[in-house]
PDB file of N, CA and C in Angstrom:
ATOM      1  N   MET A   1     -35.223 -18.328   5.593  1.00  0.00           N
ATOM      2  CA  MET A   1     -35.717 -19.102   6.571  1.00  0.00           C
ATOM      3  C   MET A   1     -35.536 -20.469   6.103  1.00  0.00           C
ATOM      4  N   HIS A   2     -35.417 -21.342   7.236  1.00  0.00           N
ATOM      5  CA  HIS A   2     -35.103 -22.796   7.187  1.00  0.00           C
ATOM      6  C   HIS A   2     -35.774 -23.576   8.120  1.00  0.00           C
ATOM      7  N   LEU A   3     -36.146 -24.672   7.805  1.00  0.00           N
ATOM      8  CA  LEU A   3     -36.754 -25.541   8.687  1.00  0.00           C
ATOM      9  C   LEU A   3     -35.895 -26.724   9.365  1.00  0.00           C
ATOM     10  N   ALA A   4     -35.744 -26.979  10.597  1.00  0.00           N
ATOM     11  CA  ALA A   4     -34.904 -28.016  11.094  1.00  0.00           C
ATOM     12  C   ALA A   4     -35.624 -29.016  11.815  1.00  0.00           C
ATOM     13  N   LEU A   5     -34.988 -30.312  11.675  1.00  0.00           N
ATOM     14  CA  LEU A   5     -35.670 -31.314  12.620  1.00  0.00           C
ATOM     15  C   LEU A   5     -34.942 -31.459  13.920  1.00  0.00           C
ATOM     16  N   ASP A   6     -35.734 -31.607  14.760  1.00  0.00           N
ATOM     17  CA  ASP A   6     -35.165 -31.770  16.220  1.00  0.00           C
ATOM     18  C   ASP A   6     -35.071 -33.057  16.419  1.00  0.00           C
ATOM     19  N   THR A   7     -34.482 -33.649  17.505  1.00  0.00           N
ATOM     20  CA  THR A   7     -33.958 -35.104  17.812  1.00  0.00           C
ATOM     21  C   THR A   7     -35.215 -36.111  17.789  1.00  0.00           C
ATOM     22  N   GLY A   8     -36.403 -35.729  18.013  1.00  0.00           N
ATOM     23  CA  GLY A   8     -37.657 -36.414  17.874  1.00  0.00           C
ATOM     24  C   GLY A   8     -38.307 -36.317  16.549  1.00  0.00           C
ATOM     25  N   GLY A   9     -37.621 -35.669  15.564  1.00  0.00           N
ATOM     26  CA  GLY A   9     -38.264 -35.654  14.161  1.00  0.00           C
ATOM     27  C   GLY A   9     -39.118 -34.557  13.870  1.00  0.00           C
ATOM     28  N   ALA A  10     -39.380 -33.741  14.830  1.00  0.00           N
ATOM     29  CA  ALA A  10     -40.406 -32.705  14.556  1.00  0.00           C
ATOM     30  C   ALA A  10     -39.708 -31.461  13.685  1.00  0.00           C
ATOM     31  N   TRP A  11     -40.402 -30.821  12.965  1.00  0.00           N
ATOM     32  CA  TRP A  11     -39.775 -29.596  12.294  1.00  0.00           C
ATOM     33  C   TRP A  11     -39.912 -28.447  13.031  1.00  0.00           C
ATOM     34  N   LEU A  12     -38.605 -27.657  13.277  1.00  0.00           N
ATOM     35  CA  LEU A  12     -38.752 -26.492  13.842  1.00  0.00           C
ATOM     36  C   LEU A  12     -38.461 -25.167  13.053  1.00  0.00           C
ATOM     37  N   VAL A  13     -38.874 -24.165  13.578  1.00  0.00           N
ATOM     38  CA  VAL A  13     -38.545 -22.883  12.764  1.00  0.00           C
ATOM     39  C   VAL A  13     -38.405 -21.804  13.772  1.00  0.00           C
ATOM     40  N   ASP A  14     -37.435 -20.747  13.389  1.00  0.00           N
ATOM     41  CA  ASP A  14     -37.029 -19.815  14.400  1.00  0.00           C
ATOM     42  C   ASP A  14     -38.386 -18.773  14.616  1.00  0.00           C
ATOM     43  N   PRO A  15     -38.783 -18.632  15.798  1.00  0.00           N
ATOM     44  CA  PRO A  15     -39.851 -17.683  15.956  1.00  0.00           C
ATOM     45  C   PRO A  15     -39.727 -16.484  15.602  1.00  0.00           C
ATOM     46  N   ASP A  16     -38.424 -15.777  15.517  1.00  0.00           N
ATOM     47  CA  ASP A  16     -38.378 -14.452  15.113  1.00  0.00           C
ATOM     48  C   ASP A  16     -38.465 -14.503  13.633  1.00  0.00           C
ATOM     49  N   GLU A  17     -38.071 -15.340  12.907  1.00  0.00           N
ATOM     50  CA  GLU A  17     -38.339 -15.322  11.306  1.00  0.00           C
ATOM     51  C   GLU A  17     -39.745 -15.422  11.116  1.00  0.00           C
ATOM     52  N   LEU A  18     -40.355 -16.473  11.686  1.00  0.00           N
ATOM     53  CA  LEU A  18     -41.799 -16.355  11.248  1.00  0.00           C
ATOM     54  C   LEU A  18     -42.547 -15.468  11.832  1.00  0.00           C
ATOM     55  N   ALA A  19     -42.355 -14.607  13.203  1.00  0.00           N
ATOM     56  CA  ALA A  19     -43.292 -13.312  13.547  1.00  0.00           C
ATOM     57  C   ALA A  19     -42.830 -12.344  12.409  1.00  0.00           C
ATOM     58  N   GLY A  20     -41.761 -12.303  11.673  1.00  0.00           N
ATOM     59  CA  GLY A  20     -41.445 -11.510  10.765  1.00  0.00           C
ATOM     60  C   GLY A  20     -42.261 -11.663   9.584  1.00  0.00           C
ATOM     61  N   ARG A  21     -42.457 -12.773   9.097  1.00  0.00           N
ATOM     62  CA  ARG A  21     -43.103 -13.378   7.987  1.00  0.00           C
ATOM     63  C   ARG A  21     -44.549 -12.913   8.255  1.00  0.00           C
ATOM     64  N   LEU A  22     -45.113 -13.070   9.404  1.00  0.00           N
ATOM     65  CA  LEU A  22     -46.596 -12.745   9.882  1.00  0.00           C
ATOM     66  C   LEU A  22     -46.740 -11.415   9.902  1.00  0.00           C
ATOM     67  N   GLY A  23     -45.657 -10.488  10.114  1.00  0.00           N
ATOM     68  CA  GLY A  23     -45.771  -9.218  10.404  1.00  0.00           C
ATOM     69  C   GLY A  23     -45.998  -8.818  11.674  1.00  0.00           C
ATOM     70  N   ILE A  24     -45.826  -9.711  12.815  1.00  0.00           N
ATOM     71  CA  ILE A  24     -46.283  -9.420  14.029  1.00  0.00           C
ATOM     72  C   ILE A  24     -44.785  -9.515  14.940  1.00  0.00           C
ATOM     73  N   ALA A  25     -45.029  -9.131  16.139  1.00  0.00           N
ATOM     74  CA  ALA A  25     -43.659  -9.016  17.008  1.00  0.00           C
ATOM     75  C   ALA A  25     -43.556 -10.469  17.736  1.00  0.00           C
ATOM     76  N   THR A  26     -42.345 -10.758  17.872  1.00  0.00           N
ATOM     77  CA  THR A  26     -42.311 -12.336  18.309  1.00  0.00           C
ATOM     78  C   THR A  26     -42.796 -12.553  19.582  1.00  0.00           C
ATOM     79  N   SER A  27     -42.839 -11.554  20.408  1.00  0.00           N
ATOM     80  CA  SER A  27     -43.725 -11.712  21.762  1.00  0.00           C
ATOM     81  C   SER A  27     -45.185 -12.069  21.557  1.00  0.00           C
ATOM     82  N   HIS A  28     -45.612 -11.245  20.497  1.00  0.00           N
ATOM     83  CA  HIS A  28     -46.998 -11.546  20.319  1.00  0.00           C
ATOM     84  C   HIS A  28     -47.281 -12.813  19.792  1.00  0.00           C
ATOM     85  N   LEU A  29     -46.322 -13.162  18.674  1.00  0.00           N
ATOM     86  CA  LEU A  29     -46.558 -14.722  18.353  1.00  0.00           C
ATOM     87  C   LEU A  29     -46.370 -15.798  19.390  1.00  0.00           C
ATOM     88  N   LEU A  30     -45.378 -15.774  20.475  1.00  0.00           N
ATOM     89  CA  LEU A  30     -45.343 -16.593  21.460  1.00  0.00           C
ATOM     90  C   LEU A  30     -46.464 -16.657  22.260  1.00  0.00           C
ATOM     91  N   SER A  31     -47.167 -15.376  22.464  1.00  0.00           N
ATOM     92  CA  SER A  31     -48.312 -15.079  23.237  1.00  0.00           C
ATOM     93  C   SER A  31     -49.534 -15.959  22.602  1.00  0.00           C
ATOM     94  N   GLN A  32     -49.635 -15.739  21.213  1.00  0.00           N
ATOM     95  CA  GLN A  32     -50.491 -16.621  20.560  1.00  0.00           C
ATOM     96  C   GLN A  32     -50.419 -18.083  20.420  1.00  0.00           C
ATOM     97  N   MET A  33     -49.348 -18.484  20.572  1.00  0.00           N
ATOM     98  CA  MET A  33     -48.939 -19.832  20.691  1.00  0.00           C
ATOM     99  C   MET A  33     -49.496 -20.486  21.968  1.00  0.00           C
ATOM    100  N   ARG A  34     -48.969 -19.345  23.177  1.00  0.00           N
ATOM    101  CA  ARG A  34     -49.353 -20.075  24.429  1.00  0.00           C
ATOM    102  C   ARG A  34     -50.903 -20.119  24.664  1.00  0.00           C
ATOM    103  N   ARG A  35     -51.766 -19.194  24.147  1.00  0.00           N
ATOM    104  CA  ARG A  35     -53.060 -19.155  24.033  1.00  0.00           C
ATOM    105  C   ARG A  35     -54.042 -19.980  23.243  1.00  0.00           C
ATOM    106  N   GLY A  36     -53.129 -20.628  22.474  1.00  0.00           N
ATOM    107  CA  GLY A  36     -53.823 -21.656  21.523  1.00  0.00           C
ATOM    108  C   GLY A  36     -54.364 -20.994  20.215  1.00  0.00           C
ATOM    109  N   LEU A  37     -53.956 -19.745  19.843  1.00  0.00           N
ATOM    110  CA  LEU A  37     -54.380 -18.984  18.703  1.00  0.00           C
ATOM    111  C   LEU A  37     -53.685 -19.142  17.596  1.00  0.00           C
ATOM    112  N   LEU A  38     -52.484 -19.626  17.465  1.00  0.00           N
ATOM    113  CA  LEU A  38     -51.839 -20.002  16.264  1.00  0.00           C
ATOM    114  C   LEU A  38     -52.015 -21.448  15.859  1.00  0.00           C
ATOM    115  N   THR A  39     -52.267 -21.696  14.709  1.00  0.00           N
ATOM    116  CA  THR A  39     -52.491 -22.815  14.289  1.00  0.00           C
ATOM    117  C   THR A  39     -51.430 -23.257  13.179  1.00  0.00           C
ATOM    118  N   SER A  40     -50.877 -24.411  12.818  1.00  0.00           N
ATOM    119  CA  SER A  40     -49.684 -24.802  11.706  1.00  0.00           C
ATOM    120  C   SER A  40     -50.125 -26.207  11.250  1.00  0.00           C
ATOM    121  N   ARG A  41     -49.791 -26.366  10.198  1.00  0.00           N
ATOM    122  CA  ARG A  41     -49.683 -27.721   9.344  1.00  0.00           C
ATOM    123  C   ARG A  41     -48.854 -27.881   8.411  1.00  0.00           C
ATOM    124  N   ILE A  42     -48.239 -28.994   8.429  1.00  0.00           N
ATOM    125  CA  ILE A  42     -47.212 -29.323   7.755  1.00  0.00           C
ATOM    126  C   ILE A  42     -47.606 -30.591   6.812  1.00  0.00           C
ATOM    127  N   GLU A  43     -47.669 -30.405   5.335  1.00  0.00           N
ATOM    128  CA  GLU A  43     -48.277 -31.342   4.594  1.00  0.00           C
ATOM    129  C   GLU A  43     -47.167 -31.949   3.471  1.00  0.00           C
ATOM    130  N   PRO A  44     -46.883 -32.931   3.339  1.00  0.00           N
ATOM    131  CA  PRO A  44     -46.033 -33.792   2.536  1.00  0.00           C
ATOM    132  C   PRO A  44     -46.368 -33.435   1.164  1.00  0.00           C
ATOM    133  N   GLY A  45     -45.296 -33.369   0.178  1.00  0.00           N
ATOM    134  CA  GLY A  45     -45.833 -33.246  -1.255  1.00  0.00           C
ATOM    135  C   GLY A  45     -46.098 -34.725  -1.744  1.00  0.00           C
ATOM    136  N   ARG A  46     -46.847 -34.620  -2.740  1.00  0.00           N
ATOM    137  CA  ARG A  46     -47.160 -35.860  -3.614  1.00  0.00           C
ATOM    138  C   ARG A  46     -46.882 -35.612  -4.927  1.00  0.00           C
ATOM    139  N   ASP A  47     -46.834 -36.981  -5.711  1.00  0.00           N
ATOM    140  CA  ASP A  47     -46.170 -36.976  -7.110  1.00  0.00           C
ATOM    141  C   ASP A  47     -45.347 -35.914  -7.571  1.00  0.00           C
ATOM    142  N   GLU A  48     -45.464 -34.947  -8.320  1.00  0.00           N
ATOM    143  CA  GLU A  48     -44.380 -34.188  -8.800  1.00  0.00           C
ATOM    144  C   GLU A  48     -43.894 -33.326  -7.564  1.00  0.00           C
ATOM    145  N   ASP A  49     -44.719 -33.302  -6.390  1.00  0.00           N
ATOM    146  CA  ASP A  49     -44.136 -32.402  -5.283  1.00  0.00           C
ATOM    147  C   ASP A  49     -43.338 -33.342  -4.234  1.00  0.00           C
ATOM    148  N   GLU A  50     -43.443 -34.576  -4.603  1.00  0.00           N
ATOM    149  CA  GLU A  50     -42.658 -35.274  -3.628  1.00  0.00           C
ATOM    150  C   GLU A  50     -41.399 -34.814  -3.229  1.00  0.00           C
ATOM    151  N   GLY A  51     -41.097 -35.167  -1.816  1.00  0.00           N
ATOM    152  CA  GLY A  51     -39.722 -34.620  -1.175  1.00  0.00           C
ATOM    153  C   GLY A  51     -40.032 -33.045  -0.655  1.00  0.00           C
ATOM    154  N   ARG A  52     -41.036 -32.395  -1.048  1.00  0.00           N
ATOM    155  CA  ARG A  52     -41.375 -31.120  -0.703  1.00  0.00           C
ATOM    156  C   ARG A  52     -42.379 -30.934   0.384  1.00  0.00           C
ATOM    157  N   TYR A  53     -42.388 -29.796   1.045  1.00  0.00           N
ATOM    158  CA  TYR A  53     -43.425 -29.882   2.238  1.00  0.00           C
ATOM    159  C   TYR A  53     -44.027 -28.351   2.118  1.00  0.00           C
ATOM    160  N   ARG A  54     -45.444 -28.440   2.351  1.00  0.00           N
ATOM    161  CA  ARG A  54     -46.163 -27.160   2.366  1.00  0.00           C
ATOM    162  C   ARG A  54     -46.199 -26.818   3.946  1.00  0.00           C
ATOM    163  N   VAL A  55     -45.763 -25.775   4.483  1.00  0.00           N
ATOM    164  CA  VAL A  55     -46.140 -25.441   5.837  1.00  0.00           C
ATOM    165  C   VAL A  55     -47.067 -24.196   5.905  1.00  0.00           C
ATOM    166  N   THR A  56     -48.158 -24.228   6.620  1.00  0.00           N
ATOM    167  CA  THR A  56     -49.227 -23.300   6.475  1.00  0.00           C
ATOM    168  C   THR A  56     -49.314 -22.933   8.179  1.00  0.00           C
ATOM    169  N   VAL A  57     -49.354 -21.532   8.415  1.00  0.00           N
ATOM    170  CA  VAL A  57     -49.326 -20.940   9.667  1.00  0.00           C
ATOM    171  C   VAL A  57     -50.414 -19.943   9.765  1.00  0.00           C
ATOM    172  N   GLN A  58     -51.462 -20.101  10.553  1.00  0.00           N
ATOM    173  CA  GLN A  58     -52.411 -18.910  10.800  1.00  0.00           C
ATOM    174  C   GLN A  58     -52.241 -18.539  12.145  1.00  0.00           C
ATOM    175  N   ALA A  59     -52.129 -17.136  12.294  1.00  0.00           N
ATOM    176  CA  ALA A  59     -52.185 -16.400  13.557  1.00  0.00           C
ATOM    177  C   ALA A  59     -53.436 -15.880  13.673  1.00  0.00           C
ATOM    178  N   GLU A  60     -53.749 -14.958  14.634  1.00  0.00           N
ATOM    179  CA  GLU A  60     -55.034 -14.509  15.034  1.00  0.00           C
ATOM    180  C   GLU A  60     -55.367 -13.447  13.833  1.00  0.00           C
ATOM    181  N   ASN A  61     -54.392 -12.710  13.426  1.00  0.00           N
ATOM    182  CA  ASN A  61     -54.814 -11.708  12.224  1.00  0.00           C
ATOM    183  C   ASN A  61     -53.798 -11.964  11.025  1.00  0.00           C
ATOM    184  N   ALA A  62     -53.108 -12.711  10.937  1.00  0.00           N
ATOM    185  CA  ALA A  62     -52.246 -12.978   9.751  1.00  0.00           C
ATOM    186  C   ALA A  62     -52.042 -14.583   9.410  1.00  0.00           C
ATOM    187  N   GLY A  63     -51.573 -14.796   8.185  1.00  0.00           N
ATOM    188  CA  GLY A  63     -51.358 -15.939   7.600  1.00  0.00           C
ATOM    189  C   GLY A  63     -50.114 -16.210   6.949  1.00  0.00           C
ATOM    190  N   TRP A  64     -49.412 -17.310   6.623  1.00  0.00           N
ATOM    191  CA  TRP A  64     -48.262 -17.478   6.107  1.00  0.00           C
ATOM    192  C   TRP A  64     -48.238 -18.915   5.590  1.00  0.00           C
ATOM    193  N   GLU A  65     -47.614 -19.114   4.189  1.00  0.00           N
ATOM    194  CA  GLU A  65     -47.510 -20.568   3.757  1.00  0.00           C
ATOM    195  C   GLU A  65     -46.143 -20.362   2.944  1.00  0.00           C
ATOM    196  N   GLY A  66     -45.369 -21.487   3.189  1.00  0.00           N
ATOM    197  CA  GLY A  66     -43.975 -21.788   2.509  1.00  0.00           C
ATOM    198  C   GLY A  66     -43.922 -22.989   2.088  1.00  0.00           C
ATOM    199  N   ILE A  67     -43.133 -23.090   1.091  1.00  0.00           N
ATOM    200  CA  ILE A  67     -42.838 -24.529   0.466  1.00  0.00           C
ATOM    201  C   ILE A  67     -41.443 -24.678   0.762  1.00  0.00           C
ATOM    202  N   PHE A  68     -41.175 -25.834   1.344  1.00  0.00           N
ATOM    203  CA  PHE A  68     -39.670 -26.326   1.738  1.00  0.00           C
ATOM    204  C   PHE A  68     -39.334 -27.564   0.903  1.00  0.00           C
ATOM    205  N   ASP A  69     -37.933 -27.672   0.694  1.00  0.00           N
ATOM    206  CA  ASP A  69     -37.517 -28.869   0.312  1.00  0.00           C
ATOM    207  C   ASP A  69     -37.118 -30.001   1.393  1.00  0.00           C
ATOM    208  N   GLY A  70     -36.860 -31.079   1.165  1.00  0.00           N
ATOM    209  CA  GLY A  70     -36.366 -32.045   1.963  1.00  0.00           C
ATOM    210  C   GLY A  70     -35.372 -31.759   3.002  1.00  0.00           C
ATOM    211  N   SER A  71     -34.481 -30.776   2.681  1.00  0.00           N
ATOM    212  CA  SER A  71     -33.561 -30.405   3.610  1.00  0.00           C
ATOM    213  C   SER A  71     -33.982 -29.201   4.469  1.00  0.00           C
ATOM    214  N   GLY A  72     -35.205 -28.508   4.139  1.00  0.00           N
ATOM    215  CA  GLY A  72     -35.563 -27.704   5.079  1.00  0.00           C
ATOM    216  C   GLY A  72     -35.315 -26.138   4.485  1.00  0.00           C
ATOM    217  N   ALA A  73     -34.887 -26.271   3.440  1.00  0.00           N
ATOM    218  CA  ALA A  73     -34.739 -24.812   2.640  1.00  0.00           C
ATOM    219  C   ALA A  73     -36.011 -24.354   1.981  1.00  0.00           C
ATOM    220  N   LEU A  74     -36.282 -22.982   2.267  1.00  0.00           N
ATOM    221  CA  LEU A  74     -37.485 -22.359   1.710  1.00  0.00           C
ATOM    222  C   LEU A  74     -37.262 -22.204   0.374  1.00  0.00           C
ATOM    223  N   LEU A  75     -38.557 -22.485  -0.409  1.00  0.00           N
ATOM    224  CA  LEU A  75     -38.278 -22.500  -1.903  1.00  0.00           C
ATOM    225  C   LEU A  75     -39.270 -21.567  -2.413  1.00  0.00           C
ATOM    226  N   SER A  76     -40.433 -21.348  -1.643  1.00  0.00           N
ATOM    227  CA  SER A  76     -41.332 -20.364  -1.981  1.00  0.00           C
ATOM    228  C   SER A  76     -42.197 -19.749  -0.852  1.00  0.00           C
ATOM    229  N   GLU A  77     -42.870 -18.690  -0.977  1.00  0.00           N
ATOM    230  CA  GLU A  77     -43.795 -18.386   0.209  1.00  0.00           C
ATOM    231  C   GLU A  77     -44.708 -17.218  -0.308  1.00  0.00           C
ATOM    232  N   CYS A  78     -45.890 -17.165   0.569  1.00  0.00           N
ATOM    233  CA  CYS A  78     -46.810 -15.958   0.393  1.00  0.00           C
ATOM    234  C   CYS A  78     -47.429 -15.693   1.446  1.00  0.00           C
ATOM    235  N   ALA A  79     -48.034 -14.653   1.737  1.00  0.00           N
ATOM    236  CA  ALA A  79     -48.909 -14.230   2.716  1.00  0.00           C
ATOM    237  C   ALA A  79     -50.271 -14.852   2.602  1.00  0.00           C
ATOM    238  N   LEU A  80     -51.012 -15.160   3.626  1.00  0.00           N
ATOM    239  CA  LEU A  80     -52.400 -15.616   3.431  1.00  0.00           C
ATOM    240  C   LEU A  80     -53.458 -14.763   4.188  1.00  0.00           C
ATOM    241  N   CYS A  81     -54.569 -14.652   3.869  1.00  0.00           N
ATOM    242  CA  CYS A  81     -55.655 -13.856   4.457  1.00  0.00           C
ATOM    243  C   CYS A  81     -55.809 -14.505   5.983  1.00  0.00           C
ATOM    244  N   ALA A  82     -56.152 -13.607   6.777  1.00  0.00           N
ATOM    245  CA  ALA A  82     -56.395 -13.745   8.043  1.00  0.00           C
ATOM    246  C   ALA A  82     -57.738 -14.491   7.946  1.00  0.00           C
ATOM    247  N   ARG A  83     -57.844 -15.393   9.237  1.00  0.00           N
ATOM    248  CA  ARG A  83     -59.206 -16.244   9.484  1.00  0.00           C
ATOM    249  C   ARG A  83     -60.200 -15.207   9.974  1.00  0.00           C
TER     250      ARG A  83
END
């Protein structure tokens, strides 16, 4: 999995890859996004984590968190409990 920056500076991720991480179909992920049931947060690292980013995604029944470096490469990840 890799994060990429769009021309406006926003982080982008492939929805197929994200759906796989959440254990749901891509169509279900996109449906949840359209209905406002998917939340995401990107937090920049501080101190010893400077240059890294924590990405947290919560879907209706699944959650995922990944740590990425400044180039967008995934360093580590874990599943999260559903909300």
